[in-house]
C-alpha cells in the first residue's frame, strides 16, 4: 500500500482496512455487492468518489484461497500475488478503474511500475 501511495505522490496519512477471508466469505460479499454469485480474488470498497478522496480511503477484502491458487497458476510467490492484489485495490480506492481499454492500460501500467519498484516483477 505504501508503495502505491508513494507512486501516486500521496501526502499525509491514509487509512485502509485490509481483510483476508476465504472463498466462501468473498463469494458472499461478491454476491451482495456486485450481484455475482462466485468467489473473486479481491474486492475494493472506496469510501470517497474519485474527486473527493480523503484520509480514509476504504476497505480491501482479499481471498487468501484465490490468491494462493492464482500465485500457483501464474508461477510466482504468494507474496507477489498478495502485493499485486493490494496494489490493484489501492489504485481502485484512489479512483482508478479498468472499465475501458484506455483505463485498463493506464491502471495496469501503474500496477506493474509499482510492483517493479518493490522488486516484484513477473
PDB file of N, CA and C in Angstrom:
ATOM      1  N   UNK A   1       0.805  -1.179   0.000  1.00  0.00           N
ATOM      2  CA  UNK A   1       0.000   0.000   0.000  1.00  0.00           C
ATOM      3  C   UNK A   1       0.858   1.256   0.000  1.00  0.00           C
ATOM      4  N   UNK A   2       1.900   1.246   0.826  1.00  0.00           N
ATOM      5  CA  UNK A   2       2.773   2.416   0.894  1.00  0.00           C
ATOM      6  C   UNK A   2       3.419   2.710  -0.454  1.00  0.00           C
ATOM      7  N   UNK A   3       3.838   1.671  -1.160  1.00  0.00           N
ATOM      8  CA  UNK A   3       4.467   1.875  -2.469  1.00  0.00           C
ATOM      9  C   UNK A   3       3.486   2.495  -3.454  1.00  0.00           C
ATOM     10  N   UNK A   4       2.225   2.091  -3.380  1.00  0.00           N
ATOM     11  CA  UNK A   4       1.204   2.653  -4.266  1.00  0.00           C
ATOM     12  C   UNK A   4       0.966   4.115  -3.938  1.00  0.00           C
ATOM     13  N   UNK A   5       0.818   4.423  -2.664  1.00  0.00           N
ATOM     14  CA  UNK A   5       0.595   5.811  -2.259  1.00  0.00           C
ATOM     15  C   UNK A   5       1.789   6.686  -2.633  1.00  0.00           C
ATOM     16  N   UNK A   6       2.994   6.175  -2.420  1.00  0.00           N
ATOM     17  CA  UNK A   6       4.205   6.919  -2.785  1.00  0.00           C
ATOM     18  C   UNK A   6       4.235   7.167  -4.291  1.00  0.00           C
ATOM     19  N   UNK A   7       3.925   6.159  -5.072  1.00  0.00           N
ATOM     20  CA  UNK A   7       3.917   6.293  -6.533  1.00  0.00           C
ATOM     21  C   UNK A   7       2.910   7.335  -7.005  1.00  0.00           C
ATOM     22  N   UNK A   8       1.831   7.481  -6.255  1.00  0.00           N
ATOM     23  CA  UNK A   8       0.784   8.443  -6.600  1.00  0.00           C
ATOM     24  C   UNK A   8       0.990   9.796  -5.931  1.00  0.00           C
ATOM     25  N   UNK A   9       2.183   9.992  -5.339  1.00  0.00           N
ATOM     26  CA  UNK A   9       2.530  11.251  -4.673  1.00  0.00           C
ATOM     27  C   UNK A   9       1.542  11.625  -3.569  1.00  0.00           C
ATOM     28  N   UNK A  10       1.096  10.614  -2.831  1.00  0.00           N
ATOM     29  CA  UNK A  10       0.172  10.830  -1.728  1.00  0.00           C
ATOM     30  C   UNK A  10       0.883  11.564  -0.608  1.00  0.00           C
ATOM     31  N   UNK A  11       0.261  12.581  -0.080  1.00  0.00           N
ATOM     32  CA  UNK A  11       0.814  13.361   1.024  1.00  0.00           C
ATOM     33  C   UNK A  11      -0.027  13.101   2.266  1.00  0.00           C
ATOM     34  N   UNK A  12       0.607  12.907   3.383  1.00  0.00           N
ATOM     35  CA  UNK A  12      -0.124  12.769   4.639  1.00  0.00           C
ATOM     36  C   UNK A  12      -0.531  11.348   4.944  1.00  0.00           C
ATOM     37  N   UNK A  13      -1.504  11.253   5.863  1.00  0.00           N
ATOM     38  CA  UNK A  13      -1.970   9.951   6.337  1.00  0.00           C
ATOM     39  C   UNK A  13      -2.965   9.324   5.364  1.00  0.00           C
ATOM     40  N   UNK A  14      -3.097   8.006   5.476  1.00  0.00           N
ATOM     41  CA  UNK A  14      -4.117   7.283   4.722  1.00  0.00           C
ATOM     42  C   UNK A  14      -4.567   6.097   5.565  1.00  0.00           C
ATOM     43  N   UNK A  15      -5.869   5.883   5.612  1.00  0.00           N
ATOM     44  CA  UNK A  15      -6.411   4.734   6.334  1.00  0.00           C
ATOM     45  C   UNK A  15      -7.067   3.788   5.349  1.00  0.00           C
ATOM     46  N   UNK A  16      -6.656   2.522   5.431  1.00  0.00           N
ATOM     47  CA  UNK A  16      -7.229   1.473   4.601  1.00  0.00           C
ATOM     48  C   UNK A  16      -7.397   0.247   5.488  1.00  0.00           C
ATOM     49  N   UNK A  17      -8.554  -0.358   5.417  1.00  0.00           N
ATOM     50  CA  UNK A  17      -8.798  -1.610   6.123  1.00  0.00           C
ATOM     51  C   UNK A  17      -8.562  -2.750   5.137  1.00  0.00           C
ATOM     52  N   UNK A  18      -7.717  -3.714   5.521  1.00  0.00           N
ATOM     53  CA  UNK A  18      -7.466  -4.888   4.696  1.00  0.00           C
ATOM     54  C   UNK A  18      -7.918  -6.115   5.472  1.00  0.00           C
ATOM     55  N   UNK A  19      -8.804  -6.877   4.868  1.00  0.00           N
ATOM     56  CA  UNK A  19      -9.323  -8.085   5.487  1.00  0.00           C
ATOM     57  C   UNK A  19      -9.031  -9.261   4.571  1.00  0.00           C
ATOM     58  N   UNK A  20      -8.512 -10.328   5.144  1.00  0.00           N
ATOM     59  CA  UNK A  20      -8.225 -11.549   4.395  1.00  0.00           C
ATOM     60  C   UNK A  20      -9.267 -12.584   4.791  1.00  0.00           C
ATOM     61  N   UNK A  21      -9.931 -13.146   3.782  1.00  0.00           N
ATOM     62  CA  UNK A  21     -11.031 -14.078   4.013  1.00  0.00           C
ATOM     63  C   UNK A  21     -10.853 -15.330   3.160  1.00  0.00           C
ATOM     64  N   UNK A  22     -11.765 -16.292   3.332  1.00  0.00           N
ATOM     65  CA  UNK A  22     -11.757 -17.479   2.488  1.00  0.00           C
ATOM     66  C   UNK A  22     -12.709 -17.276   1.305  1.00  0.00           C
ATOM     67  N   UNK A  23     -12.744 -18.248   0.394  1.00  0.00           N
ATOM     68  CA  UNK A  23     -13.582 -18.129  -0.795  1.00  0.00           C
ATOM     69  C   UNK A  23     -15.070 -18.017  -0.469  1.00  0.00           C
ATOM     70  N   UNK A  24     -15.521 -18.731   0.550  1.00  0.00           N
ATOM     71  CA  UNK A  24     -16.938 -18.666   0.903  1.00  0.00           C
ATOM     72  C   UNK A  24     -17.349 -17.253   1.297  1.00  0.00           C
ATOM     73  N   UNK A  25     -16.525 -16.598   2.098  1.00  0.00           N
ATOM     74  CA  UNK A  25     -16.870 -15.239   2.547  1.00  0.00           C
ATOM     75  C   UNK A  25     -16.800 -14.237   1.409  1.00  0.00           C
ATOM     76  N   UNK A  26     -15.787 -14.334   0.567  1.00  0.00           N
ATOM     77  CA  UNK A  26     -15.697 -13.350  -0.524  1.00  0.00           C
ATOM     78  C   UNK A  26     -16.804 -13.588  -1.553  1.00  0.00           C
ATOM     79  N   UNK A  27     -17.237 -14.845  -1.685  1.00  0.00           N
ATOM     80  CA  UNK A  27     -18.377 -15.138  -2.564  1.00  0.00           C
ATOM     81  C   UNK A  27     -19.633 -14.440  -2.042  1.00  0.00           C
ATOM     82  N   UNK A  28     -19.855 -14.497  -0.725  1.00  0.00           N
ATOM     83  CA  UNK A  28     -20.994 -13.808  -0.121  1.00  0.00           C
ATOM     84  C   UNK A  28     -20.937 -12.310  -0.397  1.00  0.00           C
ATOM     85  N   UNK A  29     -19.774 -11.724  -0.190  1.00  0.00           N
ATOM     86  CA  UNK A  29     -19.608 -10.278  -0.422  1.00  0.00           C
ATOM     87  C   UNK A  29     -19.781  -9.927  -1.890  1.00  0.00           C
ATOM     88  N   UNK A  30     -19.223 -10.740  -2.773  1.00  0.00           N
ATOM     89  CA  UNK A  30     -19.323 -10.500  -4.206  1.00  0.00           C
ATOM     90  C   UNK A  30     -20.791 -10.559  -4.651  1.00  0.00           C
ATOM     91  N   UNK A  31     -21.522 -11.499  -4.111  1.00  0.00           N
ATOM     92  CA  UNK A  31     -22.938 -11.635  -4.435  1.00  0.00           C
ATOM     93  C   UNK A  31     -23.738 -10.443  -3.908  1.00  0.00           C
ATOM     94  N   UNK A  32     -23.477 -10.071  -2.668  1.00  0.00           N
ATOM     95  CA  UNK A  32     -24.223  -8.976  -2.043  1.00  0.00           C
ATOM     96  C   UNK A  32     -23.947  -7.622  -2.676  1.00  0.00           C
ATOM     97  N   UNK A  33     -22.689  -7.366  -3.053  1.00  0.00           N
ATOM     98  CA  UNK A  33     -22.312  -6.028  -3.525  1.00  0.00           C
ATOM     99  C   UNK A  33     -22.218  -5.890  -5.031  1.00  0.00           C
ATOM    100  N   UNK A  34     -22.012  -7.005  -5.734  1.00  0.00           N
ATOM    101  CA  UNK A  34     -21.854  -6.916  -7.186  1.00  0.00           C
ATOM    102  C   UNK A  34     -22.853  -7.788  -7.941  1.00  0.00           C
ATOM    103  N   UNK A  35     -23.634  -8.578  -7.208  1.00  0.00           N
ATOM    104  CA  UNK A  35     -24.601  -9.450  -7.854  1.00  0.00           C
ATOM    105  C   UNK A  35     -23.968 -10.603  -8.600  1.00  0.00           C
ATOM    106  N   UNK A  36     -22.739 -10.949  -8.258  1.00  0.00           N
ATOM    107  CA  UNK A  36     -22.023 -12.048  -8.914  1.00  0.00           C
ATOM    108  C   UNK A  36     -21.858 -13.158  -7.883  1.00  0.00           C
ATOM    109  N   UNK A  37     -22.509 -14.291  -8.118  1.00  0.00           N
ATOM    110  CA  UNK A  37     -22.549 -15.375  -7.141  1.00  0.00           C
ATOM    111  C   UNK A  37     -21.388 -16.350  -7.335  1.00  0.00           C
ATOM    112  N   UNK A  38     -20.179 -15.824  -7.208  1.00  0.00           N
ATOM    113  CA  UNK A  38     -18.979 -16.657  -7.285  1.00  0.00           C
ATOM    114  C   UNK A  38     -17.857 -15.950  -6.537  1.00  0.00           C
ATOM    115  N   UNK A  39     -16.856 -16.724  -6.106  1.00  0.00           N
ATOM    116  CA  UNK A  39     -15.732 -16.075  -5.422  1.00  0.00           C
ATOM    117  C   UNK A  39     -14.909 -15.245  -6.397  1.00  0.00           C
ATOM    118  N   UNK A  40     -14.222 -14.278  -5.868  1.00  0.00           N
ATOM    119  CA  UNK A  40     -13.302 -13.449  -6.643  1.00  0.00           C
ATOM    120  C   UNK A  40     -12.030 -13.298  -5.823  1.00  0.00           C
ATOM    121  N   UNK A  41     -11.001 -12.740  -6.422  1.00  0.00           N
ATOM    122  CA  UNK A  41      -9.734 -12.622  -5.707  1.00  0.00           C
ATOM    123  C   UNK A  41      -9.709 -11.460  -4.723  1.00  0.00           C
ATOM    124  N   UNK A  42     -10.305 -10.341  -5.106  1.00  0.00           N
ATOM    125  CA  UNK A  42     -10.227  -9.147  -4.268  1.00  0.00           C
ATOM    126  C   UNK A  42     -11.413  -8.233  -4.548  1.00  0.00           C
ATOM    127  N   UNK A  43     -11.863  -7.555  -3.520  1.00  0.00           N
ATOM    128  CA  UNK A  43     -12.909  -6.541  -3.637  1.00  0.00           C
ATOM    129  C   UNK A  43     -12.404  -5.251  -3.001  1.00  0.00           C
ATOM    130  N   UNK A  44     -12.759  -4.144  -3.607  1.00  0.00           N
ATOM    131  CA  UNK A  44     -12.393  -2.822  -3.097  1.00  0.00           C
ATOM    132  C   UNK A  44     -13.665  -2.041  -2.804  1.00  0.00           C
ATOM    133  N   UNK A  45     -13.676  -1.383  -1.666  1.00  0.00           N
ATOM    134  CA  UNK A  45     -14.828  -0.578  -1.260  1.00  0.00           C
ATOM    135  C   UNK A  45     -14.357   0.825  -0.911  1.00  0.00           C
ATOM    136  N   UNK A  46     -14.280   1.724  -1.922  1.00  0.00           N
ATOM    137  CA  UNK A  46     -13.841   3.091  -1.651  1.00  0.00           C
ATOM    138  C   UNK A  46     -14.852   3.836  -0.776  1.00  0.00           C
ATOM    139  N   UNK A  47     -14.346   4.675   0.101  1.00  0.00           N
ATOM    140  CA  UNK A  47     -15.225   5.484   0.941  1.00  0.00           C
ATOM    141  C   UNK A  47     -15.552   6.824   0.304  1.00  0.00           C
ATOM    142  N   UNK A  48     -14.809   7.198  -0.716  1.00  0.00           N
ATOM    143  CA  UNK A  48     -14.990   8.501  -1.359  1.00  0.00           C
ATOM    144  C   UNK A  48     -15.023   8.311  -2.865  1.00  0.00           C
ATOM    145  N   UNK A  49     -15.594   9.306  -3.560  1.00  0.00           N
ATOM    146  CA  UNK A  49     -15.517   9.236  -5.015  1.00  0.00           C
ATOM    147  C   UNK A  49     -14.171   9.800  -5.472  1.00  0.00           C
ATOM    148  N   UNK A  50     -13.845   9.622  -6.738  1.00  0.00           N
ATOM    149  CA  UNK A  50     -12.537   9.989  -7.271  1.00  0.00           C
ATOM    150  C   UNK A  50     -12.162  11.452  -7.128  1.00  0.00           C
ATOM    151  N   UNK A  51     -13.150  12.336  -6.986  1.00  0.00           N
ATOM    152  CA  UNK A  51     -12.859  13.763  -6.904  1.00  0.00           C
ATOM    153  C   UNK A  51     -12.667  14.257  -5.469  1.00  0.00           C
ATOM    154  N   UNK A  52     -13.091  13.468  -4.500  1.00  0.00           N
ATOM    155  CA  UNK A  52     -13.060  13.919  -3.120  1.00  0.00           C
ATOM    156  C   UNK A  52     -12.475  12.824  -2.229  1.00  0.00           C
ATOM    157  N   UNK A  53     -11.212  12.521  -2.441  1.00  0.00           N
ATOM    158  CA  UNK A  53     -10.559  11.462  -1.685  1.00  0.00           C
ATOM    159  C   UNK A  53      -9.982  12.051  -0.411  1.00  0.00           C
ATOM    160  N   UNK A  54     -10.385  11.486   0.705  1.00  0.00           N
ATOM    161  CA  UNK A  54      -9.889  11.953   1.995  1.00  0.00           C
ATOM    162  C   UNK A  54      -8.880  10.990   2.572  1.00  0.00           C
ATOM    163  N   UNK A  55      -8.611  11.165   3.850  1.00  0.00           N
ATOM    164  CA  UNK A  55      -7.637  10.334   4.562  1.00  0.00           C
ATOM    165  C   UNK A  55      -8.094   8.884   4.662  1.00  0.00           C
ATOM    166  N   UNK A  56      -9.395   8.674   4.864  1.00  0.00           N
ATOM    167  CA  UNK A  56      -9.954   7.332   4.943  1.00  0.00           C
ATOM    168  C   UNK A  56     -10.299   6.872   3.530  1.00  0.00           C
ATOM    169  N   UNK A  57      -9.478   5.979   2.993  1.00  0.00           N
ATOM    170  CA  UNK A  57      -9.642   5.569   1.600  1.00  0.00           C
ATOM    171  C   UNK A  57     -10.705   4.505   1.410  1.00  0.00           C
ATOM    172  N   UNK A  58     -10.774   3.523   2.313  1.00  0.00           N
ATOM    173  CA  UNK A  58     -11.778   2.480   2.160  1.00  0.00           C
ATOM    174  C   UNK A  58     -11.287   1.129   2.626  1.00  0.00           C
ATOM    175  N   UNK A  59     -11.936   0.095   2.096  1.00  0.00           N
ATOM    176  CA  UNK A  59     -11.687  -1.273   2.524  1.00  0.00           C
ATOM    177  C   UNK A  59     -11.251  -2.146   1.350  1.00  0.00           C
ATOM    178  N   UNK A  60     -10.366  -3.084   1.666  1.00  0.00           N
ATOM    179  CA  UNK A  60      -9.911  -4.093   0.709  1.00  0.00           C
ATOM    180  C   UNK A  60     -10.181  -5.452   1.344  1.00  0.00           C
ATOM    181  N   UNK A  61     -10.796  -6.346   0.574  1.00  0.00           N
ATOM    182  CA  UNK A  61     -11.049  -7.708   1.043  1.00  0.00           C
ATOM    183  C   UNK A  61     -10.389  -8.658   0.047  1.00  0.00           C
ATOM    184  N   UNK A  62      -9.497  -9.504   0.547  1.00  0.00           N
ATOM    185  CA  UNK A  62      -8.729 -10.428  -0.290  1.00  0.00           C
ATOM    186  C   UNK A  62      -9.074 -11.860   0.083  1.00  0.00           C
ATOM    187  N   UNK A  63      -9.327 -12.686  -0.916  1.00  0.00           N
ATOM    188  CA  UNK A  63      -9.498 -14.117  -0.684  1.00  0.00           C
ATOM    189  C   UNK A  63      -8.127 -14.778  -0.698  1.00  0.00           C
ATOM    190  N   UNK A  64      -7.708 -15.326   0.431  1.00  0.00           N
ATOM    191  CA  UNK A  64      -6.411 -15.992   0.515  1.00  0.00           C
ATOM    192  C   UNK A  64      -6.404 -17.254  -0.352  1.00  0.00           C
ATOM    193  N   UNK A  65      -7.551 -17.917  -0.460  1.00  0.00           N
ATOM    194  CA  UNK A  65      -7.627 -19.118  -1.301  1.00  0.00           C
ATOM    195  C   UNK A  65      -7.417 -18.767  -2.768  1.00  0.00           C
ATOM    196  N   UNK A  66      -8.067 -17.717  -3.243  1.00  0.00           N
ATOM    197  CA  UNK A  66      -7.903 -17.282  -4.640  1.00  0.00           C
ATOM    198  C   UNK A  66      -6.476 -16.823  -4.872  1.00  0.00           C
ATOM    199  N   UNK A  67      -5.934 -16.063  -3.931  1.00  0.00           N
ATOM    200  CA  UNK A  67      -4.563 -15.558  -4.076  1.00  0.00           C
ATOM    201  C   UNK A  67      -3.578 -16.717  -4.179  1.00  0.00           C
ATOM    202  N   UNK A  68      -3.737 -17.723  -3.339  1.00  0.00           N
ATOM    203  CA  UNK A  68      -2.850 -18.883  -3.373  1.00  0.00           C
ATOM    204  C   UNK A  68      -2.979 -19.630  -4.702  1.00  0.00           C
ATOM    205  N   UNK A  69      -4.200 -19.835  -5.145  1.00  0.00           N
ATOM    206  CA  UNK A  69      -4.449 -20.508  -6.425  1.00  0.00           C
ATOM    207  C   UNK A  69      -3.819 -19.741  -7.586  1.00  0.00           C
ATOM    208  N   UNK A  70      -4.035 -18.425  -7.607  1.00  0.00           N
ATOM    209  CA  UNK A  70      -3.513 -17.600  -8.696  1.00  0.00           C
ATOM    210  C   UNK A  70      -1.990 -17.542  -8.680  1.00  0.00           C
ATOM    211  N   UNK A  71      -1.400 -17.498  -7.510  1.00  0.00           N
ATOM    212  CA  UNK A  71       0.070 -17.495  -7.423  1.00  0.00           C
ATOM    213  C   UNK A  71       0.623 -18.753  -8.075  1.00  0.00           C
ATOM    214  N   UNK A  72       0.017 -19.883  -7.763  1.00  0.00           N
ATOM    215  CA  UNK A  72       0.463 -21.147  -8.365  1.00  0.00           C
ATOM    216  C   UNK A  72       0.204 -21.154  -9.864  1.00  0.00           C
ATOM    217  N   UNK A  73      -0.950 -20.671 -10.274  1.00  0.00           N
ATOM    218  CA  UNK A  73      -1.319 -20.638 -11.690  1.00  0.00           C
ATOM    219  C   UNK A  73      -0.359 -19.772 -12.501  1.00  0.00           C
ATOM    220  N   UNK A  74       0.034 -18.622 -11.941  1.00  0.00           N
ATOM    221  CA  UNK A  74       0.920 -17.702 -12.656  1.00  0.00           C
ATOM    222  C   UNK A  74       2.399 -17.986 -12.418  1.00  0.00           C
ATOM    223  N   UNK A  75       2.691 -18.933 -11.532  1.00  0.00           N
ATOM    224  CA  UNK A  75       4.070 -19.329 -11.295  1.00  0.00           C
ATOM    225  C   UNK A  75       4.902 -18.323 -10.519  1.00  0.00           C
ATOM    226  N   UNK A  76       4.260 -17.604  -9.617  1.00  0.00           N
ATOM    227  CA  UNK A  76       5.021 -16.712  -8.747  1.00  0.00           C
ATOM    228  C   UNK A  76       4.615 -16.933  -7.296  1.00  0.00           C
ATOM    229  N   UNK A  77       5.239 -16.212  -6.399  1.00  0.00           N
ATOM    230  CA  UNK A  77       5.021 -16.425  -4.969  1.00  0.00           C
ATOM    231  C   UNK A  77       3.672 -15.873  -4.514  1.00  0.00           C
ATOM    232  N   UNK A  78       3.223 -16.392  -3.387  1.00  0.00           N
ATOM    233  CA  UNK A  78       2.011 -15.865  -2.765  1.00  0.00           C
ATOM    234  C   UNK A  78       2.232 -14.409  -2.351  1.00  0.00           C
ATOM    235  N   UNK A  79       3.432 -14.076  -1.898  1.00  0.00           N
ATOM    236  CA  UNK A  79       3.739 -12.687  -1.543  1.00  0.00           C
ATOM    237  C   UNK A  79       3.533 -11.756  -2.728  1.00  0.00           C
ATOM    238  N   UNK A  80       3.999 -12.180  -3.900  1.00  0.00           N
ATOM    239  CA  UNK A  80       3.848 -11.355  -5.100  1.00  0.00           C
ATOM    240  C   UNK A  80       2.372 -11.193  -5.448  1.00  0.00           C
ATOM    241  N   UNK A  81       1.605 -12.259  -5.326  1.00  0.00           N
ATOM    242  CA  UNK A  81       0.181 -12.192  -5.652  1.00  0.00           C
ATOM    243  C   UNK A  81      -0.563 -11.289  -4.674  1.00  0.00           C
ATOM    244  N   UNK A  82      -0.264 -11.414  -3.387  1.00  0.00           N
ATOM    245  CA  UNK A  82      -0.899 -10.548  -2.398  1.00  0.00           C
ATOM    246  C   UNK A  82      -0.516  -9.089  -2.618  1.00  0.00           C
ATOM    247  N   UNK A  83       0.732  -8.838  -2.982  1.00  0.00           N
ATOM    248  CA  UNK A  83       1.160  -7.466  -3.290  1.00  0.00           C
ATOM    249  C   UNK A  83       0.399  -6.940  -4.501  1.00  0.00           C
ATOM    250  N   UNK A  84       0.281  -7.756  -5.540  1.00  0.00           N
ATOM    251  CA  UNK A  84      -0.466  -7.351  -6.732  1.00  0.00           C
ATOM    252  C   UNK A  84      -1.905  -6.986  -6.370  1.00  0.00           C
ATOM    253  N   UNK A  85      -2.568  -7.854  -5.622  1.00  0.00           N
ATOM    254  CA  UNK A  85      -3.964  -7.599  -5.263  1.00  0.00           C
ATOM    255  C   UNK A  85      -4.104  -6.345  -4.406  1.00  0.00           C
ATOM    256  N   UNK A  86      -3.152  -6.107  -3.530  1.00  0.00           N
ATOM    257  CA  UNK A  86      -3.187  -4.907  -2.689  1.00  0.00           C
ATOM    258  C   UNK A  86      -2.945  -3.648  -3.509  1.00  0.00           C
ATOM    259  N   UNK A  87      -1.964  -3.686  -4.402  1.00  0.00           N
ATOM    260  CA  UNK A  87      -1.698  -2.542  -5.281  1.00  0.00           C
ATOM    261  C   UNK A  87      -2.926  -2.259  -6.148  1.00  0.00           C
ATOM    262  N   UNK A  88      -3.462  -3.294  -6.765  1.00  0.00           N
ATOM    263  CA  UNK A  88      -4.631  -3.160  -7.629  1.00  0.00           C
ATOM    264  C   UNK A  88      -5.790  -2.504  -6.877  1.00  0.00           C
ATOM    265  N   UNK A  89      -6.069  -3.017  -5.687  1.00  0.00           N
ATOM    266  CA  UNK A  89      -7.186  -2.492  -4.900  1.00  0.00           C
ATOM    267  C   UNK A  89      -6.935  -1.076  -4.399  1.00  0.00           C
ATOM    268  N   UNK A  90      -5.707  -0.795  -4.012  1.00  0.00           N
ATOM    269  CA  UNK A  90      -5.384   0.557  -3.552  1.00  0.00           C
ATOM    270  C   UNK A  90      -5.592   1.561  -4.683  1.00  0.00           C
ATOM    271  N   UNK A  91      -5.207   1.184  -5.895  1.00  0.00           N
ATOM    272  CA  UNK A  91      -5.468   2.064  -7.048  1.00  0.00           C
ATOM    273  C   UNK A  91      -6.967   2.289  -7.229  1.00  0.00           C
ATOM    274  N   UNK A  92      -7.771   1.246  -7.040  1.00  0.00           N
ATOM    275  CA  UNK A  92      -9.226   1.432  -7.098  1.00  0.00           C
ATOM    276  C   UNK A  92      -9.682   2.426  -6.029  1.00  0.00           C
ATOM    277  N   UNK A  93      -9.144   2.300  -4.821  1.00  0.00           N
ATOM    278  CA  UNK A  93      -9.535   3.222  -3.753  1.00  0.00           C
ATOM    279  C   UNK A  93      -9.153   4.658  -4.073  1.00  0.00           C
ATOM    280  N   UNK A  94      -8.111   4.821  -4.888  1.00  0.00           N
ATOM    281  CA  UNK A  94      -7.663   6.155  -5.297  1.00  0.00           C
ATOM    282  C   UNK A  94      -8.412   6.675  -6.522  1.00  0.00           C
ATOM    283  N   UNK A  95      -9.360   5.878  -7.016  1.00  0.00           N
ATOM    284  CA  UNK A  95     -10.211   6.350  -8.110  1.00  0.00           C
ATOM    285  C   UNK A  95      -9.909   5.769  -9.479  1.00  0.00           C
ATOM    286  N   UNK A  96      -8.930   4.902  -9.592  1.00  0.00           N
ATOM    287  CA  UNK A  96      -8.616   4.292 -10.884  1.00  0.00           C
ATOM    288  C   UNK A  96      -9.560   3.129 -11.159  1.00  0.00           C
ATOM    289  N   UNK A  97      -9.778   2.874 -12.447  1.00  0.00           N
ATOM    290  CA  UNK A  97     -10.610   1.749 -12.849  1.00  0.00           C
ATOM    291  C   UNK A  97     -10.076   1.175 -14.151  1.00  0.00           C
ATOM    292  N   UNK A  98     -10.671   0.096 -14.603  1.00  0.00           N
ATOM    293  CA  UNK A  98     -10.231  -0.551 -15.842  1.00  0.00           C
ATOM    294  C   UNK A  98     -11.436  -1.002 -16.656  1.00  0.00           C
ATOM    295  N   UNK A  99     -12.428  -0.113 -16.746  1.00  0.00           N
ATOM    296  CA  UNK A  99     -13.649  -0.430 -17.487  1.00  0.00           C
ATOM    297  C   UNK A  99     -13.474  -0.238 -18.992  1.00  0.00           C
ATOM    298  N   UNK A 100     -12.586   0.666 -19.382  1.00  0.00           N
ATOM    299  CA  UNK A 100     -12.317   0.866 -20.806  1.00  0.00           C
ATOM    300  C   UNK A 100     -10.890   0.416 -21.103  1.00  0.00           C
ATOM    301  N   UNK A 101     -10.598   0.251 -22.365  1.00  0.00           N
ATOM    302  CA  UNK A 101      -9.249  -0.169 -22.767  1.00  0.00           C
ATOM    303  C   UNK A 101      -8.205   0.852 -22.331  1.00  0.00           C
ATOM    304  N   UNK A 102      -8.531   2.126 -22.445  1.00  0.00           N
ATOM    305  CA  UNK A 102      -7.600   3.188 -22.059  1.00  0.00           C
ATOM    306  C   UNK A 102      -7.358   3.184 -20.547  1.00  0.00           C
ATOM    307  N   UNK A 103      -8.440   3.041 -19.763  1.00  0.00           N
ATOM    308  CA  UNK A 103      -8.306   2.976 -18.310  1.00  0.00           C
ATOM    309  C   UNK A 103      -7.490   1.750 -17.896  1.00  0.00           C
ATOM    310  N   UNK A 104      -7.759   0.623 -18.544  1.00  0.00           N
ATOM    311  CA  UNK A 104      -7.041  -0.607 -18.218  1.00  0.00           C
ATOM    312  C   UNK A 104      -5.546  -0.464 -18.492  1.00  0.00           C
ATOM    313  N   UNK A 105      -5.213   0.115 -19.620  1.00  0.00           N
ATOM    314  CA  UNK A 105      -3.802   0.306 -19.965  1.00  0.00           C
ATOM    315  C   UNK A 105      -3.110   1.189 -18.930  1.00  0.00           C
ATOM    316  N   UNK A 106      -3.774   2.266 -18.527  1.00  0.00           N
ATOM    317  CA  UNK A 106      -3.207   3.181 -17.536  1.00  0.00           C
ATOM    318  C   UNK A 106      -3.055   2.487 -16.179  1.00  0.00           C
ATOM    319  N   UNK A 107      -4.126   1.869 -15.705  1.00  0.00           N
ATOM    320  CA  UNK A 107      -4.097   1.263 -14.372  1.00  0.00           C
ATOM    321  C   UNK A 107      -3.110   0.103 -14.310  1.00  0.00           C
ATOM    322  N   UNK A 108      -3.133  -0.763 -15.307  1.00  0.00           N
ATOM    323  CA  UNK A 108      -2.242  -1.916 -15.290  1.00  0.00           C
ATOM    324  C   UNK A 108      -0.781  -1.494 -15.450  1.00  0.00           C
ATOM    325  N   UNK A 109      -0.542  -0.419 -16.191  1.00  0.00           N
ATOM    326  CA  UNK A 109       0.810   0.122 -16.299  1.00  0.00           C
ATOM    327  C   UNK A 109       1.311   0.630 -14.955  1.00  0.00           C
ATOM    328  N   UNK A 110       0.423   1.313 -14.236  1.00  0.00           N
ATOM    329  CA  UNK A 110       0.770   1.792 -12.893  1.00  0.00           C
ATOM    330  C   UNK A 110       1.084   0.614 -11.969  1.00  0.00           C
ATOM    331  N   UNK A 111       0.255  -0.424 -12.028  1.00  0.00           N
ATOM    332  CA  UNK A 111       0.466  -1.615 -11.192  1.00  0.00           C
ATOM    333  C   UNK A 111       1.849  -2.200 -11.419  1.00  0.00           C
ATOM    334  N   UNK A 112       2.197  -2.413 -12.665  1.00  0.00           N
ATOM    335  CA  UNK A 112       3.492  -3.027 -12.984  1.00  0.00           C
ATOM    336  C   UNK A 112       4.652  -2.145 -12.523  1.00  0.00           C
ATOM    337  N   UNK A 113       4.511  -0.838 -12.711  1.00  0.00           N
ATOM    338  CA  UNK A 113       5.555   0.086 -12.265  1.00  0.00           C
ATOM    339  C   UNK A 113       5.750  -0.012 -10.755  1.00  0.00           C
ATOM    340  N   UNK A 114       4.657  -0.046 -10.025  1.00  0.00           N
ATOM    341  CA  UNK A 114       4.727  -0.119  -8.566  1.00  0.00           C
ATOM    342  C   UNK A 114       5.332  -1.450  -8.128  1.00  0.00           C
ATOM    343  N   UNK A 115       4.859  -2.546  -8.693  1.00  0.00           N
ATOM    344  CA  UNK A 115       5.380  -3.867  -8.325  1.00  0.00           C
ATOM    345  C   UNK A 115       6.862  -3.980  -8.671  1.00  0.00           C
ATOM    346  N   UNK A 116       7.264  -3.442  -9.812  1.00  0.00           N
ATOM    347  CA  UNK A 116       8.685  -3.452 -10.187  1.00  0.00           C
ATOM    348  C   UNK A 116       9.521  -2.673  -9.184  1.00  0.00           C
ATOM    349  N   UNK A 117       8.969  -1.533  -8.704  1.00  0.00           N
ATOM    350  CA  UNK A 117       9.700  -0.720  -7.718  1.00  0.00           C
ATOM    351  C   UNK A 117       9.873  -1.474  -6.398  1.00  0.00           C
ATOM    352  N   UNK A 118       9.024  -2.458  -6.159  1.00  0.00           N
ATOM    353  CA  UNK A 118       9.082  -3.271  -4.954  1.00  0.00           C
ATOM    354  C   UNK A 118       9.929  -4.533  -5.161  1.00  0.00           C
ATOM    355  N   UNK A 119      10.457  -4.690  -6.366  1.00  0.00           N
ATOM    356  CA  UNK A 119      11.226  -5.888  -6.685  1.00  0.00           C
ATOM    357  C   UNK A 119      10.360  -7.114  -6.885  1.00  0.00           C
ATOM    358  N   UNK A 120       9.120  -6.892  -7.318  1.00  0.00           N
ATOM    359  CA  UNK A 120       8.169  -7.989  -7.504  1.00  0.00           C
ATOM    360  C   UNK A 120       7.664  -8.081  -8.936  1.00  0.00           C
ATOM    361  N   UNK A 121       8.587  -7.987  -9.879  1.00  0.00           N
ATOM    362  CA  UNK A 121       8.174  -8.093 -11.287  1.00  0.00           C
ATOM    363  C   UNK A 121       7.816  -9.532 -11.607  1.00  0.00           C
ATOM    364  N   UNK A 122       7.148  -9.707 -12.715  1.00  0.00           N
ATOM    365  CA  UNK A 122       6.754 -11.068 -13.136  1.00  0.00           C
ATOM    366  C   UNK A 122       7.937 -11.846 -13.610  1.00  0.00           C
TER     367      UNK A 122
END
